[in-house]
Amino acid sequence: MSRHILSDTPVGRKVRLVAIDGGRQLVRRLLSLGLSVGAEIEILHQRGSGVVVARQGNRVALGKGIAEKVYTEVPD
């Protein structure tokens, strides 16, 4: 499967988080928002390189810096 950065994922697509290219602090921050490796999310909006994602009824806005450090793939 091909990996893409979160900011390049089209709106409406459901994807799985497969990697976070950041330090422990970024991983902890995303985990506190309910986003971890293996989580399935839906892309709701894109503004520039920032995105708004949904997971289990919760919406989370991620800025460009974070969205470019999160890698996704389309689940089977």
PDB file of N, CA and C in Angstrom:
ATOM      1  N   MET A   1       0.833  -1.186   0.000  1.00  0.00           N
ATOM      2  CA  MET A   1       0.000   0.000   0.000  1.00  0.00           C
ATOM      3  C   MET A   1       0.876   1.247   0.000  1.00  0.00           C
ATOM      4  N   SER A   2       0.342   2.280  -0.582  1.00  0.00           N
ATOM      5  CA  SER A   2       1.118   3.510  -0.646  1.00  0.00           C
ATOM      6  C   SER A   2       0.768   4.426   0.525  1.00  0.00           C
ATOM      7  N   ARG A   3       1.785   5.067   1.048  1.00  0.00           N
ATOM      8  CA  ARG A   3       1.612   6.006   2.146  1.00  0.00           C
ATOM      9  C   ARG A   3       1.563   7.423   1.599  1.00  0.00           C
ATOM     10  N   HIS A   4       0.735   8.254   2.211  1.00  0.00           N
ATOM     11  CA  HIS A   4       0.623   9.656   1.832  1.00  0.00           C
ATOM     12  C   HIS A   4       0.656  10.500   3.094  1.00  0.00           C
ATOM     13  N   ILE A   5       1.111  11.739   2.964  1.00  0.00           N
ATOM     14  CA  ILE A   5       1.019  12.612   4.126  1.00  0.00           C
ATOM     15  C   ILE A   5      -0.425  13.076   4.263  1.00  0.00           C
ATOM     16  N   LEU A   6      -0.828  13.337   5.477  1.00  0.00           N
ATOM     17  CA  LEU A   6      -2.214  13.683   5.774  1.00  0.00           C
ATOM     18  C   LEU A   6      -2.675  14.909   4.994  1.00  0.00           C
ATOM     19  N   SER A   7      -1.817  15.899   4.813  1.00  0.00           N
ATOM     20  CA  SER A   7      -2.225  17.116   4.126  1.00  0.00           C
ATOM     21  C   SER A   7      -2.495  16.898   2.637  1.00  0.00           C
ATOM     22  N   ASP A   8      -2.052  15.764   2.068  1.00  0.00           N
ATOM     23  CA  ASP A   8      -2.307  15.445   0.658  1.00  0.00           C
ATOM     24  C   ASP A   8      -3.496  14.515   0.459  1.00  0.00           C
ATOM     25  N   THR A   9      -4.168  14.134   1.516  1.00  0.00           N
ATOM     26  CA  THR A   9      -5.284  13.206   1.426  1.00  0.00           C
ATOM     27  C   THR A   9      -6.551  13.956   1.009  1.00  0.00           C
ATOM     28  N   PRO A  10      -7.282  13.464   0.010  1.00  0.00           N
ATOM     29  CA  PRO A  10      -8.481  14.163  -0.461  1.00  0.00           C
ATOM     30  C   PRO A  10      -9.611  14.191   0.574  1.00  0.00           C
ATOM     31  N   VAL A  11     -10.411  15.246   0.517  1.00  0.00           N
ATOM     32  CA  VAL A  11     -11.567  15.393   1.405  1.00  0.00           C
ATOM     33  C   VAL A  11     -12.549  14.253   1.145  1.00  0.00           C
ATOM     34  N   GLY A  12     -13.138  13.722   2.209  1.00  0.00           N
ATOM     35  CA  GLY A  12     -14.107  12.641   2.113  1.00  0.00           C
ATOM     36  C   GLY A  12     -13.504  11.258   2.198  1.00  0.00           C
ATOM     37  N   ARG A  13     -12.207  11.140   2.115  1.00  0.00           N
ATOM     38  CA  ARG A  13     -11.538   9.843   2.146  1.00  0.00           C
ATOM     39  C   ARG A  13     -11.383   9.358   3.578  1.00  0.00           C
ATOM     40  N   LYS A  14     -11.585   8.074   3.787  1.00  0.00           N
ATOM     41  CA  LYS A  14     -11.322   7.446   5.085  1.00  0.00           C
ATOM     42  C   LYS A  14      -9.976   6.766   4.993  1.00  0.00           C
ATOM     43  N   VAL A  15      -9.113   7.061   5.964  1.00  0.00           N
ATOM     44  CA  VAL A  15      -7.750   6.546   5.952  1.00  0.00           C
ATOM     45  C   VAL A  15      -7.348   6.044   7.335  1.00  0.00           C
ATOM     46  N   ARG A  16      -6.242   5.315   7.371  1.00  0.00           N
ATOM     47  CA  ARG A  16      -5.676   4.825   8.630  1.00  0.00           C
ATOM     48  C   ARG A  16      -4.340   5.521   8.843  1.00  0.00           C
ATOM     49  N   LEU A  17      -4.098   5.962  10.069  1.00  0.00           N
ATOM     50  CA  LEU A  17      -2.806   6.563  10.395  1.00  0.00           C
ATOM     51  C   LEU A  17      -1.780   5.442  10.511  1.00  0.00           C
ATOM     52  N   VAL A  18      -0.663   5.592   9.794  1.00  0.00           N
ATOM     53  CA  VAL A  18       0.343   4.523   9.798  1.00  0.00           C
ATOM     54  C   VAL A  18       1.678   4.952  10.391  1.00  0.00           C
ATOM     55  N   ALA A  19       1.958   6.254  10.446  1.00  0.00           N
ATOM     56  CA  ALA A  19       3.230   6.708  11.009  1.00  0.00           C
ATOM     57  C   ALA A  19       3.139   8.177  11.376  1.00  0.00           C
ATOM     58  N   ILE A  20       3.906   8.544  12.396  1.00  0.00           N
ATOM     59  CA  ILE A  20       4.020   9.937  12.820  1.00  0.00           C
ATOM     60  C   ILE A  20       5.504  10.276  12.811  1.00  0.00           C
ATOM     61  N   ASP A  21       5.862  11.238  11.964  1.00  0.00           N
ATOM     62  CA  ASP A  21       7.264  11.626  11.811  1.00  0.00           C
ATOM     63  C   ASP A  21       7.556  12.801  12.740  1.00  0.00           C
ATOM     64  N   GLY A  22       7.537  12.503  14.023  1.00  0.00           N
ATOM     65  CA  GLY A  22       7.768  13.548  15.006  1.00  0.00           C
ATOM     66  C   GLY A  22       8.273  12.948  16.298  1.00  0.00           C
ATOM     67  N   GLY A  23       8.541  13.806  17.233  1.00  0.00           N
ATOM     68  CA  GLY A  23       9.064  13.364  18.509  1.00  0.00           C
ATOM     69  C   GLY A  23       7.986  12.878  19.454  1.00  0.00           C
ATOM     70  N   ARG A  24       8.429  12.556  20.644  1.00  0.00           N
ATOM     71  CA  ARG A  24       7.541  12.029  21.676  1.00  0.00           C
ATOM     72  C   ARG A  24       6.432  13.027  22.033  1.00  0.00           C
ATOM     73  N   GLN A  25       6.766  14.304  22.039  1.00  0.00           N
ATOM     74  CA  GLN A  25       5.778  15.326  22.392  1.00  0.00           C
ATOM     75  C   GLN A  25       4.650  15.382  21.367  1.00  0.00           C
ATOM     76  N   LEU A  26       4.967  15.292  20.079  1.00  0.00           N
ATOM     77  CA  LEU A  26       3.937  15.300  19.041  1.00  0.00           C
ATOM     78  C   LEU A  26       3.064  14.055  19.143  1.00  0.00           C
ATOM     79  N   VAL A  27       3.684  12.915  19.351  1.00  0.00           N
ATOM     80  CA  VAL A  27       2.923  11.669  19.481  1.00  0.00           C
ATOM     81  C   VAL A  27       1.966  11.761  20.667  1.00  0.00           C
ATOM     82  N   ARG A  28       2.438  12.301  21.791  1.00  0.00           N
ATOM     83  CA  ARG A  28       1.583  12.468  22.971  1.00  0.00           C
ATOM     84  C   ARG A  28       0.433  13.430  22.710  1.00  0.00           C
ATOM     85  N   ARG A  29       0.740  14.520  22.007  1.00  0.00           N
ATOM     86  CA  ARG A  29      -0.299  15.512  21.698  1.00  0.00           C
ATOM     87  C   ARG A  29      -1.395  14.903  20.832  1.00  0.00           C
ATOM     88  N   LEU A  30      -0.994  14.165  19.794  1.00  0.00           N
ATOM     89  CA  LEU A  30      -1.987  13.528  18.931  1.00  0.00           C
ATOM     90  C   LEU A  30      -2.778  12.467  19.686  1.00  0.00           C
ATOM     91  N   LEU A  31      -2.121  11.729  20.559  1.00  0.00           N
ATOM     92  CA  LEU A  31      -2.807  10.724  21.358  1.00  0.00           C
ATOM     93  C   LEU A  31      -3.856  11.369  22.257  1.00  0.00           C
ATOM     94  N   SER A  32      -3.542  12.529  22.815  1.00  0.00           N
ATOM     95  CA  SER A  32      -4.512  13.226  23.664  1.00  0.00           C
ATOM     96  C   SER A  32      -5.714  13.722  22.859  1.00  0.00           C
ATOM     97  N   LEU A  33      -5.536  13.880  21.561  1.00  0.00           N
ATOM     98  CA  LEU A  33      -6.637  14.275  20.680  1.00  0.00           C
ATOM     99  C   LEU A  33      -7.398  13.071  20.125  1.00  0.00           C
ATOM    100  N   GLY A  34      -6.963  11.877  20.519  1.00  0.00           N
ATOM    101  CA  GLY A  34      -7.629  10.656  20.069  1.00  0.00           C
ATOM    102  C   GLY A  34      -7.069  10.103  18.774  1.00  0.00           C
ATOM    103  N   LEU A  35      -5.899  10.577  18.363  1.00  0.00           N
ATOM    104  CA  LEU A  35      -5.279  10.126  17.120  1.00  0.00           C
ATOM    105  C   LEU A  35      -3.995   9.368  17.434  1.00  0.00           C
ATOM    106  N   SER A  36      -3.948   8.122  17.014  1.00  0.00           N
ATOM    107  CA  SER A  36      -2.757   7.303  17.222  1.00  0.00           C
ATOM    108  C   SER A  36      -2.541   6.434  15.990  1.00  0.00           C
ATOM    109  N   VAL A  37      -1.360   5.859  15.885  1.00  0.00           N
ATOM    110  CA  VAL A  37      -1.075   4.956  14.774  1.00  0.00           C
ATOM    111  C   VAL A  37      -2.075   3.807  14.824  1.00  0.00           C
ATOM    112  N   GLY A  38      -2.686   3.519  13.685  1.00  0.00           N
ATOM    113  CA  GLY A  38      -3.702   2.473  13.601  1.00  0.00           C
ATOM    114  C   GLY A  38      -5.121   3.007  13.621  1.00  0.00           C
ATOM    115  N   ALA A  39      -5.303   4.261  14.029  1.00  0.00           N
ATOM    116  CA  ALA A  39      -6.638   4.861  14.090  1.00  0.00           C
ATOM    117  C   ALA A  39      -7.157   5.146  12.682  1.00  0.00           C
ATOM    118  N   GLU A  40      -8.448   4.916  12.478  1.00  0.00           N
ATOM    119  CA  GLU A  40      -9.073   5.245  11.204  1.00  0.00           C
ATOM    120  C   GLU A  40      -9.798   6.570  11.342  1.00  0.00           C
ATOM    121  N   ILE A  41      -9.563   7.464  10.378  1.00  0.00           N
ATOM    122  CA  ILE A  41     -10.134   8.799  10.417  1.00  0.00           C
ATOM    123  C   ILE A  41     -10.735   9.138   9.057  1.00  0.00           C
ATOM    124  N   GLU A  42     -11.561  10.179   9.035  1.00  0.00           N
ATOM    125  CA  GLU A  42     -12.124  10.691   7.787  1.00  0.00           C
ATOM    126  C   GLU A  42     -11.691  12.141   7.631  1.00  0.00           C
ATOM    127  N   ILE A  43     -11.297  12.520   6.420  1.00  0.00           N
ATOM    128  CA  ILE A  43     -10.885  13.892   6.137  1.00  0.00           C
ATOM    129  C   ILE A  43     -12.145  14.700   5.847  1.00  0.00           C
ATOM    130  N   LEU A  44     -12.419  15.725   6.671  1.00  0.00           N
ATOM    131  CA  LEU A  44     -13.627  16.533   6.515  1.00  0.00           C
ATOM    132  C   LEU A  44     -13.399  17.803   5.710  1.00  0.00           C
ATOM    133  N   HIS A  45     -12.316  18.516   5.989  1.00  0.00           N
ATOM    134  CA  HIS A  45     -12.031  19.795   5.329  1.00  0.00           C
ATOM    135  C   HIS A  45     -10.530  19.947   5.145  1.00  0.00           C
ATOM    136  N   GLN A  46     -10.175  20.758   4.157  1.00  0.00           N
ATOM    137  CA  GLN A  46      -8.784  21.153   3.976  1.00  0.00           C
ATOM    138  C   GLN A  46      -8.746  22.658   3.789  1.00  0.00           C
ATOM    139  N   ARG A  47      -7.832  23.297   4.476  1.00  0.00           N
ATOM    140  CA  ARG A  47      -7.601  24.729   4.316  1.00  0.00           C
ATOM    141  C   ARG A  47      -6.106  24.916   4.181  1.00  0.00           C
ATOM    142  N   GLY A  48      -5.669  25.208   2.966  1.00  0.00           N
ATOM    143  CA  GLY A  48      -4.235  25.241   2.725  1.00  0.00           C
ATOM    144  C   GLY A  48      -3.693  23.841   2.936  1.00  0.00           C
ATOM    145  N   SER A  49      -2.703  23.719   3.778  1.00  0.00           N
ATOM    146  CA  SER A  49      -2.161  22.394   4.098  1.00  0.00           C
ATOM    147  C   SER A  49      -2.711  21.856   5.414  1.00  0.00           C
ATOM    148  N   GLY A  50      -3.522  22.635   6.129  1.00  0.00           N
ATOM    149  CA  GLY A  50      -4.152  22.167   7.354  1.00  0.00           C
ATOM    150  C   GLY A  50      -5.385  21.347   7.029  1.00  0.00           C
ATOM    151  N   VAL A  51      -5.764  20.472   7.942  1.00  0.00           N
ATOM    152  CA  VAL A  51      -6.924  19.607   7.707  1.00  0.00           C
ATOM    153  C   VAL A  51      -7.784  19.516   8.960  1.00  0.00           C
ATOM    154  N   VAL A  52      -9.059  19.173   8.741  1.00  0.00           N
ATOM    155  CA  VAL A  52      -9.969  18.838   9.828  1.00  0.00           C
ATOM    156  C   VAL A  52     -10.343  17.379   9.622  1.00  0.00           C
ATOM    157  N   VAL A  53     -10.135  16.568  10.653  1.00  0.00           N
ATOM    158  CA  VAL A  53     -10.419  15.140  10.561  1.00  0.00           C
ATOM    159  C   VAL A  53     -11.467  14.758  11.601  1.00  0.00           C
ATOM    160  N   ALA A  54     -12.136  13.635  11.349  1.00  0.00           N
ATOM    161  CA  ALA A  54     -13.140  13.122  12.286  1.00  0.00           C
ATOM    162  C   ALA A  54     -12.761  11.701  12.676  1.00  0.00           C
ATOM    163  N   ARG A  55     -12.963  11.408  13.959  1.00  0.00           N
ATOM    164  CA  ARG A  55     -12.751  10.045  14.466  1.00  0.00           C
ATOM    165  C   ARG A  55     -13.744   9.809  15.580  1.00  0.00           C
ATOM    166  N   GLN A  56     -14.590   8.820  15.405  1.00  0.00           N
ATOM    167  CA  GLN A  56     -15.588   8.426  16.404  1.00  0.00           C
ATOM    168  C   GLN A  56     -16.408   9.616  16.879  1.00  0.00           C
ATOM    169  N   GLY A  57     -16.878  10.433  15.939  1.00  0.00           N
ATOM    170  CA  GLY A  57     -17.748  11.549  16.278  1.00  0.00           C
ATOM    171  C   GLY A  57     -17.035  12.808  16.744  1.00  0.00           C
ATOM    172  N   ASN A  58     -15.730  12.764  16.903  1.00  0.00           N
ATOM    173  CA  ASN A  58     -14.965  13.942  17.319  1.00  0.00           C
ATOM    174  C   ASN A  58     -14.259  14.549  16.116  1.00  0.00           C
ATOM    175  N   ARG A  59     -14.230  15.883  16.078  1.00  0.00           N
ATOM    176  CA  ARG A  59     -13.525  16.591  15.013  1.00  0.00           C
ATOM    177  C   ARG A  59     -12.270  17.231  15.579  1.00  0.00           C
ATOM    178  N   VAL A  60     -11.187  17.140  14.805  1.00  0.00           N
ATOM    179  CA  VAL A  60      -9.911  17.690  15.239  1.00  0.00           C
ATOM    180  C   VAL A  60      -9.306  18.471  14.075  1.00  0.00           C
ATOM    181  N   ALA A  61      -8.909  19.714  14.336  1.00  0.00           N
ATOM    182  CA  ALA A  61      -8.230  20.523  13.325  1.00  0.00           C
ATOM    183  C   ALA A  61      -6.728  20.411  13.550  1.00  0.00           C
ATOM    184  N   LEU A  62      -6.003  20.121  12.482  1.00  0.00           N
ATOM    185  CA  LEU A  62      -4.550  19.988  12.545  1.00  0.00           C
ATOM    186  C   LEU A  62      -3.925  20.987  11.579  1.00  0.00           C
ATOM    187  N   GLY A  63      -2.976  21.744  12.055  1.00  0.00           N
ATOM    188  CA  GLY A  63      -2.289  22.717  11.219  1.00  0.00           C
ATOM    189  C   GLY A  63      -1.331  22.062  10.247  1.00  0.00           C
ATOM    190  N   LYS A  64      -0.774  22.876   9.378  1.00  0.00           N
ATOM    191  CA  LYS A  64       0.138  22.413   8.332  1.00  0.00           C
ATOM    192  C   LYS A  64       1.321  21.635   8.898  1.00  0.00           C
ATOM    193  N   GLY A  65       1.949  22.160   9.947  1.00  0.00           N
ATOM    194  CA  GLY A  65       3.131  21.513  10.511  1.00  0.00           C
ATOM    195  C   GLY A  65       2.873  20.095  10.968  1.00  0.00           C
ATOM    196  N   ILE A  66       1.752  19.877  11.616  1.00  0.00           N
ATOM    197  CA  ILE A  66       1.411  18.531  12.090  1.00  0.00           C
ATOM    198  C   ILE A  66       0.916  17.665  10.941  1.00  0.00           C
ATOM    199  N   ALA A  67       0.058  18.215  10.085  1.00  0.00           N
ATOM    200  CA  ALA A  67      -0.520  17.435   8.985  1.00  0.00           C
ATOM    201  C   ALA A  67       0.546  16.912   8.029  1.00  0.00           C
ATOM    202  N   GLU A  68       1.686  17.586   7.963  1.00  0.00           N
ATOM    203  CA  GLU A  68       2.763  17.120   7.087  1.00  0.00           C
ATOM    204  C   GLU A  68       3.682  16.104   7.760  1.00  0.00           C
ATOM    205  N   LYS A  69       3.442  15.801   9.026  1.00  0.00           N
ATOM    206  CA  LYS A  69       4.251  14.813   9.750  1.00  0.00           C
ATOM    207  C   LYS A  69       3.491  13.524  10.017  1.00  0.00           C
ATOM    208  N   VAL A  70       2.236  13.467   9.569  1.00  0.00           N
ATOM    209  CA  VAL A  70       1.400  12.289   9.796  1.00  0.00           C
ATOM    210  C   VAL A  70       1.190  11.581   8.462  1.00  0.00           C
ATOM    211  N   TYR A  71       1.473  10.273   8.438  1.00  0.00           N
ATOM    212  CA  TYR A  71       1.350   9.481   7.222  1.00  0.00           C
ATOM    213  C   TYR A  71       0.126   8.567   7.319  1.00  0.00           C
ATOM    214  N   THR A  72      -0.548   8.422   6.175  1.00  0.00           N
ATOM    215  CA  THR A  72      -1.784   7.639   6.131  1.00  0.00           C
ATOM    216  C   THR A  72      -1.747   6.641   4.976  1.00  0.00           C
ATOM    217  N   GLU A  73      -2.674   5.687   5.030  1.00  0.00           N
ATOM    218  CA  GLU A  73      -2.918   4.793   3.916  1.00  0.00           C
ATOM    219  C   GLU A  73      -4.406   4.455   3.902  1.00  0.00           C
ATOM    220  N   VAL A  74      -4.907   4.045   2.746  1.00  0.00           N
ATOM    221  CA  VAL A  74      -6.309   3.665   2.625  1.00  0.00           C
ATOM    222  C   VAL A  74      -6.452   2.260   3.208  1.00  0.00           C
ATOM    223  N   PRO A  75      -7.400   2.072   4.157  1.00  0.00           N
ATOM    224  CA  PRO A  75      -7.551   0.739   4.757  1.00  0.00           C
ATOM    225  C   PRO A  75      -8.146  -0.263   3.765  1.00  0.00           C
ATOM    226  N   ASP A  76      -7.920  -1.536   4.022  1.00  0.00           N
ATOM    227  CA  ASP A  76      -8.435  -2.615   3.141  1.00  0.00           C
ATOM    228  C   ASP A  76      -9.943  -2.651   3.137  1.00  0.00           C
TER     229      ASP A  76
END
